[in-house]
Amino acid sequence: MIRNIPLFLVFISIIFPIKGQIDTSLTLEKKKLVILPSQNKKTDDIADKLLSIISSQASSIGRFEIIDRNIVDDILREQKFQLSGSVLDKDIIAIGELAAAEEALILEIIHFGQKGVPLEKKNREDKSEEDHDETLFSWFVKTTVKAAIEEKKTVDTLSIGLQLRNNIQTIIEANIKFINIESGTLLKSIPISASYTGGNKDASLLKVLNNLTSQVRWKLKDIYMINSEIIEIEKRNVTIFSGENLGLKKGDIFEISSSDQLKNYKGKDITIPGKAKGLMRIVNVGPDASIGKIIRKWKNINPGDKAYELKKAPKVTSLNFALSRETKYELSGKFIFNTFSDLSPSINGYLGFIKDSRNEMNGYLGFGTNLEYRLLSIFGTTYSTSLELPALFSFRNDDKGHNVASFLSAPTINFNIAIQISPYRDLVLSTKYTFTQIHGPWQWQKSTGELNKEGNNITETEPAVWERAEPKFSLPGLYLSIGIRRISF
């Protein structure tokens, strides 16, 4: 009986896998990648530059192991492969196998061109009417002017040639094919393109290559997103099974979810994706594991849950309504950047009404910015303070019926409480203190009745006309604001 125990344990381990076994769906190591050029000999020089960019960006991302280009060249020479550009070409599969790569990137230059472009003329010469009653004096003047014009044309021709050499338009359009080595099938096609006009050939080309470098980096990262797993959790800190070995950096954001479930439906095995539980942000990166802080959660998070890298940072917008004792009503919208960091700026838009010294309501609109600093985040509630700098334009009629406007700004210091009410929404309560104000003069635009070269009316700025005391604002004081913040990812 005792001798049969090992066989029994083996049988049990086959039927019921050990819980500590590593999930094969996790991103455990770098993806081996071979980068191959296209077969277009006419664009070899520019292809070499782009291949260098692709190789350097793939390496810097940290999740690819790039097969050395010299090894590929040696294989090409020894095996005498001729790349046809077809993704199903057996030679490409053979090259990948010999280079021990799993996937391949093949660069194809679709279009590359550089040409001089004339500068746009800013001033156009007005055509004068011909004088049909020509005199001897007018004939002499016209002949002299024509000679001067001919001489100027010669100078202009030389000038245009110089312009063309120093105003080069560079265009590059290319395609990067991401291919599975084993099957030779196309996994993804990555188009990249950029253009720039200005400077000489080298300067214009450099601008285009810099643009393509940024494109290549994000698109390469997109084809190999990291799937990790939570090893342990301690309060709001979690440890995941990925680190510097896969190019993780501080600030990377992951979505946490339960594990996928395998179910059989009508005789067919299907995989049901796990349910999202929260978001985490990497705060400390180790060699092969990282620590993240839970920045948002709506379900219990446990060891063994999955962590999926987000392709893009979550987008955060908010809509707020502020008021103060029937003297001010304001609706504002915000687009918030870098929300889950300690310091997050935003771009704001404003629309509202404010009472002046005449007890009349004045409309206003404008834009501004906000700089928010997070003080504390606990139990789904975040406390923060912020400095808000609006640039507004108030408008009304003066005592003569003119539509007048005035610049207005009221910097405020805010104390905010954001309460999570759903996975994707927060209720934001704010106390706003306006500590100073800037109020410009009331002015209106008067038409002169004349037209400019573009055919538009020419206007002059006139001061507002007041028969009584000029309306003014008194903005310093406390305001209350309530808003809804939306997070999308």
Foldseek 3Di string as FASTA:
>chain_A
DVVCVVVVVVVCCVVPPDPPDDDPVFLAFAAEEEEAEDQPPVCVPVRVLVSVLLVVLSVLLQRYDYQDVVLLVVCCVVVVDDDPPQLQDLVLLVSCVVSVGFKYKYKDWPDKDKWFDFDDDPDDDDDDDDDPPDDPVNVVVVVVVVVVVVVVVVVVVVVRVVRRQFWMKIKTKMKIFMAGSVRSDTPDIQIDIDMDTGGHPVVRVVVGSVVRSVSSNLVSCVVDWGKWFWAFDDAQKTKIQAFSNNNDDFFFKWWWWACWDWDADPNRIDIHHTDTFFMWTWDAGDPGMTMTGTQTGDDDDGGGIMITTDSDDKWKKKWKWKDDPPFKTKIKIWTWPPVSDQKIKIKMKIWIWGAWPVRDIWIKIFIWMKIKGWDDDDPQKTKIKMKTWTWMKIWDAAPVGAIKIKIKIFIWIKIWMWHDPDRWKTKIKIKIFGDDMDIGFIWHWAFPPDADPVRDTDIDIDGGDHPDDDIHDDPGDIMIMIMMMGIDD
